[in-house]
Amino acid sequence: MAEGIETETRSERRPKLSEHVVSALRSQVLGGEFAAGQKLPTESQLTETFGVSRTVIREAMATLAADGLVESRQGAGVFVRDRPSLAFGSIGQEIGNKISLALNVLEVRMGIEIESAGLAAMRRNNAQEAEIQEAFFEFERLLALDEATGRTDFAFHRAIAAATNNPFYVEVLDALGSRTIPCDITSPWGTESVLTREYQVGLQREHLVILSAIQNGDPQAARDGMRAHLVASQERYRKRLSGQQAEYMSGMDR
């Protein structure tokens, strides 16, 4: 009986068709495939392109308009706004190379990702669960080859956000960007002390706890695992700050 209830709940939470259209068009607009002021394809063209009804297209257009990406002009069609922007679109531009900013980003991630892990445990479908697993094992493969794992680390967290079936979780992570992952060599906070194999093995153990909870459909365990993972990252950064302070004080004593 419990399995039937879980199956029913997960099927009810499948992404709507309009969300697929919104995601595709949002990427095209922000990626510059549609220039500012350019008219989008007609409703008929979009129904053919995406294989959906006019109602789905209209719902998608309403969402994009609410996001501030497009505007409808009566009798003329739907156009890309001159300055398209998303609610979180400027977050990534604020990231610098200070550890204090890294701690700020982690605080934001905690507010987003703890709940996203819980929702993923409840809402993920088979394909989304597989995507989370694939990111986990790709991290493992790269670690064995002693290659950078940052992008795959980000992919793991992004796949969890996508499994909430709420596009705004993905939007926030995309705005923060993969450079927020400290074990990525391109991160402004990645140093040799962070990029050790021991450090990354520890991350992978934390990832496994989260993955197992999501696979088991245990939202509270998923939240707890993600909280422990991000708190551990905070502590690692705080230790780096303490190390910098100790180094400074040692220099003063000379």
C-alpha atoms as a PDB file:
ATOM      1  CA  MET A   1       0.000   0.000   0.000  1.00  0.00           C
ATOM      2  CA  ALA A   2       2.791   2.409   0.928  1.00  0.00           C
ATOM      3  CA  GLU A   3       4.498   1.779  -2.388  1.00  0.00           C
ATOM      4  CA  GLY A   4       1.288   2.573  -4.247  1.00  0.00           C
ATOM      5  CA  ILE A   5       0.879   5.837  -2.387  1.00  0.00           C
ATOM      6  CA  GLU A   6       4.500   6.795  -3.101  1.00  0.00           C
ATOM      7  CA  THR A   7       4.118   5.975  -6.805  1.00  0.00           C
ATOM      8  CA  GLU A   8       0.953   8.016  -7.035  1.00  0.00           C
ATOM      9  CA  THR A   9       2.511  10.974  -5.245  1.00  0.00           C
ATOM     10  CA  ARG A  10       5.576  10.941  -7.473  1.00  0.00           C
ATOM     11  CA  SER A  11       3.516  10.692 -10.656  1.00  0.00           C
ATOM     12  CA  GLU A  12       1.375  13.632  -9.578  1.00  0.00           C
ATOM     13  CA  ARG A  13       4.495  15.747  -9.204  1.00  0.00           C
ATOM     14  CA  ARG A  14       5.875  15.189 -12.686  1.00  0.00           C
ATOM     15  CA  PRO A  15       6.983  18.414 -14.366  1.00  0.00           C
ATOM     16  CA  LYS A  16       4.243  19.993 -16.433  1.00  0.00           C
ATOM     17  CA  LEU A  17       4.743  20.191 -20.181  1.00  0.00           C
ATOM     18  CA  SER A  18       4.935  23.966 -19.951  1.00  0.00           C
ATOM     19  CA  GLU A  19       7.986  23.698 -17.660  1.00  0.00           C
ATOM     20  CA  HIS A  20       9.902  21.908 -20.409  1.00  0.00           C
ATOM     21  CA  VAL A  21       9.008  24.687 -22.859  1.00  0.00           C
ATOM     22  CA  VAL A  22       9.935  27.376 -20.332  1.00  0.00           C
ATOM     23  CA  SER A  23      13.306  25.753 -19.608  1.00  0.00           C
ATOM     24  CA  ALA A  24      14.188  25.444 -23.299  1.00  0.00           C
ATOM     25  CA  LEU A  25      13.165  28.991 -24.225  1.00  0.00           C
ATOM     26  CA  ARG A  26      14.776  30.487 -21.130  1.00  0.00           C
ATOM     27  CA  SER A  27      18.095  28.874 -22.078  1.00  0.00           C
ATOM     28  CA  GLN A  28      17.787  30.164 -25.653  1.00  0.00           C
ATOM     29  CA  VAL A  29      16.999  33.715 -24.557  1.00  0.00           C
ATOM     30  CA  LEU A  30      19.739  33.901 -21.926  1.00  0.00           C
ATOM     31  CA  GLY A  31      22.164  32.171 -24.275  1.00  0.00           C
ATOM     32  CA  GLY A  32      21.617  34.830 -26.923  1.00  0.00           C
ATOM     33  CA  GLU A  33      19.877  32.624 -29.481  1.00  0.00           C
ATOM     34  CA  PHE A  34      17.085  35.178 -29.413  1.00  0.00           C
ATOM     35  CA  ALA A  35      18.403  38.735 -29.366  1.00  0.00           C
ATOM     36  CA  ALA A  36      16.921  41.559 -27.331  1.00  0.00           C
ATOM     37  CA  GLY A  37      13.864  42.899 -29.118  1.00  0.00           C
ATOM     38  CA  GLN A  38      13.585  39.839 -31.357  1.00  0.00           C
ATOM     39  CA  LYS A  39      10.188  38.287 -31.905  1.00  0.00           C
ATOM     40  CA  LEU A  40       9.770  34.706 -30.745  1.00  0.00           C
ATOM     41  CA  PRO A  41       8.325  32.105 -33.127  1.00  0.00           C
ATOM     42  CA  THR A  42       4.557  32.202 -33.433  1.00  0.00           C
ATOM     43  CA  GLU A  43       2.300  30.165 -31.207  1.00  0.00           C
ATOM     44  CA  SER A  44       1.656  27.748 -34.061  1.00  0.00           C
ATOM     45  CA  GLN A  45       5.371  27.316 -34.726  1.00  0.00           C
ATOM     46  CA  LEU A  46       6.088  26.654 -31.056  1.00  0.00           C
ATOM     47  CA  THR A  47       3.310  24.066 -30.769  1.00  0.00           C
ATOM     48  CA  GLU A  48       4.890  22.235 -33.690  1.00  0.00           C
ATOM     49  CA  THR A  49       8.429  22.556 -32.363  1.00  0.00           C
ATOM     50  CA  PHE A  50       7.621  21.244 -28.900  1.00  0.00           C
ATOM     51  CA  GLY A  51       4.756  18.942 -29.828  1.00  0.00           C
ATOM     52  CA  VAL A  52       2.384  20.457 -27.292  1.00  0.00           C
ATOM     53  CA  SER A  53      -0.937  22.264 -27.327  1.00  0.00           C
ATOM     54  CA  ARG A  54      -1.521  25.999 -27.664  1.00  0.00           C
ATOM     55  CA  THR A  55      -2.632  26.044 -24.019  1.00  0.00           C
ATOM     56  CA  VAL A  56       0.789  24.743 -22.942  1.00  0.00           C
ATOM     57  CA  ILE A  57       2.573  27.373 -25.042  1.00  0.00           C
ATOM     58  CA  ARG A  58       0.415  30.161 -23.596  1.00  0.00           C
ATOM     59  CA  GLU A  59       1.160  28.969 -20.078  1.00  0.00           C
ATOM     60  CA  ALA A  60       4.886  28.927 -20.860  1.00  0.00           C
ATOM     61  CA  MET A  61       4.746  32.441 -22.316  1.00  0.00           C
ATOM     62  CA  ALA A  62       2.987  33.685 -19.177  1.00  0.00           C
ATOM     63  CA  THR A  63       5.766  32.215 -17.025  1.00  0.00           C
ATOM     64  CA  LEU A  64       8.520  33.759 -19.149  1.00  0.00           C
ATOM     65  CA  ALA A  65       6.762  37.114 -19.029  1.00  0.00           C
ATOM     66  CA  ALA A  66       6.485  36.890 -15.245  1.00  0.00           C
ATOM     67  CA  ASP A  67      10.225  36.132 -15.120  1.00  0.00           C
ATOM     68  CA  GLY A  68      10.866  39.361 -17.029  1.00  0.00           C
ATOM     69  CA  LEU A  69      12.306  37.648 -20.079  1.00  0.00           C
ATOM     70  CA  VAL A  70       9.662  38.408 -22.682  1.00  0.00           C
ATOM     71  CA  GLU A  71       6.737  40.726 -23.260  1.00  0.00           C
ATOM     72  CA  SER A  72       3.585  40.292 -25.272  1.00  0.00           C
ATOM     73  CA  ARG A  73       2.608  43.045 -27.707  1.00  0.00           C
ATOM     74  CA  GLN A  74      -1.020  42.964 -28.704  1.00  0.00           C
ATOM     75  CA  GLY A  75      -1.458  42.012 -32.323  1.00  0.00           C
ATOM     76  CA  ALA A  76       2.285  41.685 -32.893  1.00  0.00           C
ATOM     77  CA  GLY A  77       3.434  38.663 -30.895  1.00  0.00           C
ATOM     78  CA  VAL A  78       5.861  37.922 -28.071  1.00  0.00           C
ATOM     79  CA  PHE A  79       9.247  39.675 -27.979  1.00  0.00           C
ATOM     80  CA  VAL A  80      12.427  39.295 -25.945  1.00  0.00           C
ATOM     81  CA  ARG A  81      12.748  42.193 -23.558  1.00  0.00           C
ATOM     82  CA  ASP A  82      15.567  44.663 -24.152  1.00  0.00           C
ATOM     83  CA  ARG A  83      17.124  43.841 -20.785  1.00  0.00           C
ATOM     84  CA  PRO A  84      16.078  40.277 -19.977  1.00  0.00           C
ATOM     85  CA  SER A  85      16.851  39.317 -16.419  1.00  0.00           C
ATOM     86  CA  LEU A  86      16.009  36.688 -13.879  1.00  0.00           C
ATOM     87  CA  ALA A  87      15.383  37.169 -10.199  1.00  0.00           C
ATOM     88  CA  PHE A  88      18.734  35.574  -9.336  1.00  0.00           C
ATOM     89  CA  GLY A  89      20.627  36.405 -12.488  1.00  0.00           C
ATOM     90  CA  SER A  90      23.152  38.762 -10.900  1.00  0.00           C
ATOM     91  CA  ILE A  91      24.226  36.524  -8.021  1.00  0.00           C
ATOM     92  CA  GLY A  92      27.112  34.919  -9.888  1.00  0.00           C
ATOM     93  CA  GLN A  93      28.533  38.320 -10.807  1.00  0.00           C
ATOM     94  CA  GLU A  94      29.107  39.121  -7.129  1.00  0.00           C
ATOM     95  CA  ILE A  95      31.420  36.183  -6.446  1.00  0.00           C
ATOM     96  CA  GLY A  96      34.956  37.231  -5.638  1.00  0.00           C
ATOM     97  CA  ASN A  97      38.026  35.531  -4.215  1.00  0.00           C
ATOM     98  CA  LYS A  98      37.523  36.168  -0.500  1.00  0.00           C
ATOM     99  CA  ILE A  99      36.797  33.310   1.866  1.00  0.00           C
ATOM    100  CA  SER A 100      34.172  35.503   3.530  1.00  0.00           C
ATOM    101  CA  LEU A 101      32.254  35.477   0.242  1.00  0.00           C
ATOM    102  CA  ALA A 102      32.609  31.718   0.053  1.00  0.00           C
ATOM    103  CA  LEU A 103      30.982  31.490   3.472  1.00  0.00           C
ATOM    104  CA  ASN A 104      28.183  33.784   2.304  1.00  0.00           C
ATOM    105  CA  VAL A 105      27.579  31.575  -0.727  1.00  0.00           C
ATOM    106  CA  LEU A 106      27.490  28.469   1.466  1.00  0.00           C
ATOM    107  CA  GLU A 107      24.908  30.149   3.685  1.00  0.00           C
ATOM    108  CA  VAL A 108      22.721  30.734   0.642  1.00  0.00           C
ATOM    109  CA  ARG A 109      23.292  27.175  -0.529  1.00  0.00           C
ATOM    110  CA  MET A 110      22.211  25.851   2.875  1.00  0.00           C
ATOM    111  CA  GLY A 111      18.963  27.780   2.612  1.00  0.00           C
ATOM    112  CA  ILE A 112      18.335  26.275  -0.817  1.00  0.00           C
ATOM    113  CA  GLU A 113      19.926  22.842  -0.929  1.00  0.00           C
ATOM    114  CA  ILE A 114      18.827  21.352   2.388  1.00  0.00           C
ATOM    115  CA  GLU A 115      15.193  21.593   1.352  1.00  0.00           C
ATOM    116  CA  SER A 116      15.954  20.644  -2.251  1.00  0.00           C
ATOM    117  CA  ALA A 117      17.471  17.364  -1.015  1.00  0.00           C
ATOM    118  CA  GLY A 118      14.319  16.615   0.954  1.00  0.00           C
ATOM    119  CA  LEU A 119      12.066  17.442  -1.990  1.00  0.00           C
ATOM    120  CA  ALA A 120      14.216  15.359  -4.330  1.00  0.00           C
ATOM    121  CA  ALA A 121      13.746  12.356  -2.029  1.00  0.00           C
ATOM    122  CA  MET A 122       9.979  12.778  -2.339  1.00  0.00           C
ATOM    123  CA  ARG A 123       9.562  13.925  -5.929  1.00  0.00           C
ATOM    124  CA  ARG A 124      12.339  12.469  -8.072  1.00  0.00           C
ATOM    125  CA  ASN A 125      11.430  10.203 -10.954  1.00  0.00           C
ATOM    126  CA  ASN A 126      13.534   7.311 -12.198  1.00  0.00           C
ATOM    127  CA  ALA A 127      15.399   9.382 -14.782  1.00  0.00           C
ATOM    128  CA  GLN A 128      16.232  12.095 -12.251  1.00  0.00           C
ATOM    129  CA  GLU A 129      17.439   9.557  -9.711  1.00  0.00           C
ATOM    130  CA  ALA A 130      19.650   8.027 -12.389  1.00  0.00           C
ATOM    131  CA  GLU A 131      21.107  11.451 -13.208  1.00  0.00           C
ATOM    132  CA  ILE A 132      22.069  11.993  -9.567  1.00  0.00           C
ATOM    133  CA  GLN A 133      23.718   8.557  -9.488  1.00  0.00           C
ATOM    134  CA  GLU A 134      25.577   9.238 -12.737  1.00  0.00           C
ATOM    135  CA  ALA A 135      27.042  12.463 -11.345  1.00  0.00           C
ATOM    136  CA  PHE A 136      28.085  10.628  -8.187  1.00  0.00           C
ATOM    137  CA  PHE A 137      29.891   7.861 -10.090  1.00  0.00           C
ATOM    138  CA  GLU A 138      31.475  10.321 -12.521  1.00  0.00           C
ATOM    139  CA  PHE A 139      32.955  12.109  -9.495  1.00  0.00           C
ATOM    140  CA  GLU A 140      34.295   8.725  -8.355  1.00  0.00           C
ATOM    141  CA  ARG A 141      35.783   8.013 -11.797  1.00  0.00           C
ATOM    142  CA  LEU A 142      37.556  11.368 -12.000  1.00  0.00           C
ATOM    143  CA  LEU A 143      38.830  10.994  -8.451  1.00  0.00           C
ATOM    144  CA  ALA A 144      40.389   7.633  -9.350  1.00  0.00           C
ATOM    145  CA  LEU A 145      42.105   9.298 -12.319  1.00  0.00           C
ATOM    146  CA  ASP A 146      43.315  12.175 -10.122  1.00  0.00           C
ATOM    147  CA  GLU A 147      41.445  14.661 -12.317  1.00  0.00           C
ATOM    148  CA  ALA A 148      39.489  17.765 -11.303  1.00  0.00           C
ATOM    149  CA  THR A 149      36.083  16.836  -9.881  1.00  0.00           C
ATOM    150  CA  GLY A 150      34.557  20.273  -9.410  1.00  0.00           C
ATOM    151  CA  ARG A 151      32.220  20.304 -12.396  1.00  0.00           C
ATOM    152  CA  THR A 152      30.916  16.856 -11.539  1.00  0.00           C
ATOM    153  CA  ASP A 153      30.447  17.932  -7.920  1.00  0.00           C
ATOM    154  CA  PHE A 154      28.312  20.789  -9.179  1.00  0.00           C
ATOM    155  CA  ALA A 155      26.450  18.413 -11.505  1.00  0.00           C
ATOM    156  CA  PHE A 156      25.587  16.232  -8.493  1.00  0.00           C
ATOM    157  CA  HIS A 157      24.071  19.170  -6.608  1.00  0.00           C
ATOM    158  CA  ARG A 158      22.328  20.475  -9.725  1.00  0.00           C
ATOM    159  CA  ALA A 159      20.794  17.066 -10.442  1.00  0.00           C
ATOM    160  CA  ILE A 160      19.354  17.052  -6.926  1.00  0.00           C
ATOM    161  CA  ALA A 161      17.911  20.523  -7.483  1.00  0.00           C
ATOM    162  CA  ALA A 162      16.382  19.379 -10.781  1.00  0.00           C
ATOM    163  CA  ALA A 163      14.802  16.386  -9.019  1.00  0.00           C
ATOM    164  CA  THR A 164      12.682  18.773  -6.925  1.00  0.00           C
ATOM    165  CA  ASN A 165      10.756  19.492 -10.143  1.00  0.00           C
ATOM    166  CA  ASN A 166      10.780  23.143  -9.095  1.00  0.00           C
ATOM    167  CA  PRO A 167      12.818  25.078 -11.692  1.00  0.00           C
ATOM    168  CA  PHE A 168      13.726  27.872  -9.288  1.00  0.00           C
ATOM    169  CA  TYR A 169      16.040  25.600  -7.290  1.00  0.00           C
ATOM    170  CA  VAL A 170      18.016  24.972 -10.476  1.00  0.00           C
ATOM    171  CA  GLU A 171      17.915  28.652 -11.366  1.00  0.00           C
ATOM    172  CA  VAL A 172      19.574  29.685  -8.110  1.00  0.00           C
ATOM    173  CA  LEU A 173      22.347  27.110  -8.450  1.00  0.00           C
ATOM    174  CA  ASP A 174      22.944  28.088 -12.067  1.00  0.00           C
ATOM    175  CA  ALA A 175      23.198  31.723 -11.010  1.00  0.00           C
ATOM    176  CA  LEU A 176      25.775  30.842  -8.363  1.00  0.00           C
ATOM    177  CA  GLY A 177      27.624  28.725 -10.902  1.00  0.00           C
ATOM    178  CA  SER A 178      30.069  25.837 -10.704  1.00  0.00           C
ATOM    179  CA  ARG A 179      32.788  28.157  -9.362  1.00  0.00           C
ATOM    180  CA  THR A 180      31.049  27.950  -5.971  1.00  0.00           C
ATOM    181  CA  ILE A 181      32.329  24.377  -5.664  1.00  0.00           C
ATOM    182  CA  PRO A 182      35.604  24.624  -3.681  1.00  0.00           C
ATOM    183  CA  CYS A 183      37.168  21.444  -5.064  1.00  0.00           C
ATOM    184  CA  ASP A 184      36.959  22.870  -8.580  1.00  0.00           C
ATOM    185  CA  ILE A 185      40.369  24.090  -9.750  1.00  0.00           C
ATOM    186  CA  THR A 186      38.592  27.126 -11.282  1.00  0.00           C
ATOM    187  CA  SER A 187      36.989  28.102  -7.992  1.00  0.00           C
ATOM    188  CA  PRO A 188      38.320  31.385  -6.571  1.00  0.00           C
ATOM    189  CA  TRP A 189      38.577  29.574  -3.229  1.00  0.00           C
ATOM    190  CA  GLY A 190      40.285  26.403  -4.433  1.00  0.00           C
ATOM    191  CA  THR A 191      43.851  25.963  -3.200  1.00  0.00           C
ATOM    192  CA  GLU A 192      46.232  23.046  -2.939  1.00  0.00           C
ATOM    193  CA  SER A 193      45.172  22.606   0.684  1.00  0.00           C
ATOM    194  CA  VAL A 194      41.593  22.130  -0.487  1.00  0.00           C
ATOM    195  CA  LEU A 195      42.265  20.081  -3.583  1.00  0.00           C
ATOM    196  CA  THR A 196      43.791  17.115  -1.789  1.00  0.00           C
ATOM    197  CA  ARG A 197      42.609  13.597  -2.489  1.00  0.00           C
ATOM    198  CA  GLU A 198      41.706  13.174   1.187  1.00  0.00           C
ATOM    199  CA  TYR A 199      39.487  16.259   1.001  1.00  0.00           C
ATOM    200  CA  GLN A 200      37.661  14.995  -2.093  1.00  0.00           C
ATOM    201  CA  VAL A 201      37.238  11.485  -0.688  1.00  0.00           C
ATOM    202  CA  GLY A 202      35.576  13.110   2.317  1.00  0.00           C
ATOM    203  CA  LEU A 203      33.239  15.010   0.019  1.00  0.00           C
ATOM    204  CA  GLN A 204      32.308  11.812  -1.761  1.00  0.00           C
ATOM    205  CA  ARG A 205      31.447  10.094   1.534  1.00  0.00           C
ATOM    206  CA  GLU A 206      29.133  12.994   2.315  1.00  0.00           C
ATOM    207  CA  HIS A 207      27.613  12.751  -1.160  1.00  0.00           C
ATOM    208  CA  LEU A 208      26.939   9.039  -0.620  1.00  0.00           C
ATOM    209  CA  VAL A 209      24.872   9.761   2.487  1.00  0.00           C
ATOM    210  CA  ILE A 210      22.737  12.209   0.510  1.00  0.00           C
ATOM    211  CA  LEU A 211      22.402   9.894  -2.477  1.00  0.00           C
ATOM    212  CA  SER A 212      21.368   6.929  -0.323  1.00  0.00           C
ATOM    213  CA  ALA A 213      18.702   8.972   1.459  1.00  0.00           C
ATOM    214  CA  ILE A 214      17.238  10.183  -1.852  1.00  0.00           C
ATOM    215  CA  GLN A 215      17.239   6.642  -3.261  1.00  0.00           C
ATOM    216  CA  ASN A 216      15.482   5.396  -0.116  1.00  0.00           C
ATOM    217  CA  GLY A 217      12.852   8.127  -0.420  1.00  0.00           C
ATOM    218  CA  ASP A 218      13.750   9.471   3.039  1.00  0.00           C
ATOM    219  CA  PRO A 219      13.358  13.276   2.912  1.00  0.00           C
ATOM    220  CA  GLN A 220      14.508  13.929   6.472  1.00  0.00           C
ATOM    221  CA  ALA A 221      17.663  11.862   6.058  1.00  0.00           C
ATOM    222  CA  ALA A 222      18.328  13.673   2.769  1.00  0.00           C
ATOM    223  CA  ARG A 223      17.964  17.053   4.478  1.00  0.00           C
ATOM    224  CA  ASP A 224      20.182  15.950   7.364  1.00  0.00           C
ATOM    225  CA  GLY A 225      22.811  14.624   4.956  1.00  0.00           C
ATOM    226  CA  MET A 226      22.875  17.826   2.927  1.00  0.00           C
ATOM    227  CA  ARG A 227      23.007  19.949   6.077  1.00  0.00           C
ATOM    228  CA  ALA A 228      25.955  17.952   7.410  1.00  0.00           C
ATOM    229  CA  HIS A 229      27.706  18.227   4.028  1.00  0.00           C
ATOM    230  CA  LEU A 230      27.382  22.009   3.808  1.00  0.00           C
ATOM    231  CA  VAL A 231      28.149  22.584   7.492  1.00  0.00           C
ATOM    232  CA  ALA A 232      31.338  20.577   7.020  1.00  0.00           C
ATOM    233  CA  SER A 233      32.246  22.846   4.100  1.00  0.00           C
ATOM    234  CA  GLN A 234      31.662  25.896   6.285  1.00  0.00           C
ATOM    235  CA  GLU A 235      33.962  24.459   8.935  1.00  0.00           C
ATOM    236  CA  ARG A 236      36.668  23.808   6.344  1.00  0.00           C
ATOM    237  CA  TYR A 237      36.563  27.452   5.268  1.00  0.00           C
ATOM    238  CA  ARG A 238      36.586  28.699   8.849  1.00  0.00           C
ATOM    239  CA  LYS A 239      39.703  26.610   9.500  1.00  0.00           C
ATOM    240  CA  ARG A 240      41.326  28.266   6.486  1.00  0.00           C
ATOM    241  CA  LEU A 241      40.497  31.685   7.926  1.00  0.00           C
ATOM    242  CA  SER A 242      41.955  30.638  11.277  1.00  0.00           C
ATOM    243  CA  GLY A 243      45.063  29.410   9.483  1.00  0.00           C
ATOM    244  CA  GLN A 244      45.467  32.742   7.715  1.00  0.00           C
ATOM    245  CA  GLN A 245      45.104  34.566  11.029  1.00  0.00           C
ATOM    246  CA  ALA A 246      47.682  32.318  12.693  1.00  0.00           C
ATOM    247  CA  GLU A 247      50.084  32.884   9.805  1.00  0.00           C
ATOM    248  CA  TYR A 248      49.618  36.650  10.113  1.00  0.00           C
ATOM    249  CA  MET A 249      50.218  36.588  13.878  1.00  0.00           C
ATOM    250  CA  SER A 250      53.335  34.461  13.375  1.00  0.00           C
ATOM    251  CA  GLY A 251      54.678  37.084  11.000  1.00  0.00           C
ATOM    252  CA  MET A 252      54.025  39.830  13.536  1.00  0.00           C
ATOM    253  CA  ASP A 253      56.131  38.023  16.124  1.00  0.00           C
ATOM    254  CA  ARG A 254      59.214  37.979  13.914  1.00  0.00           C
END
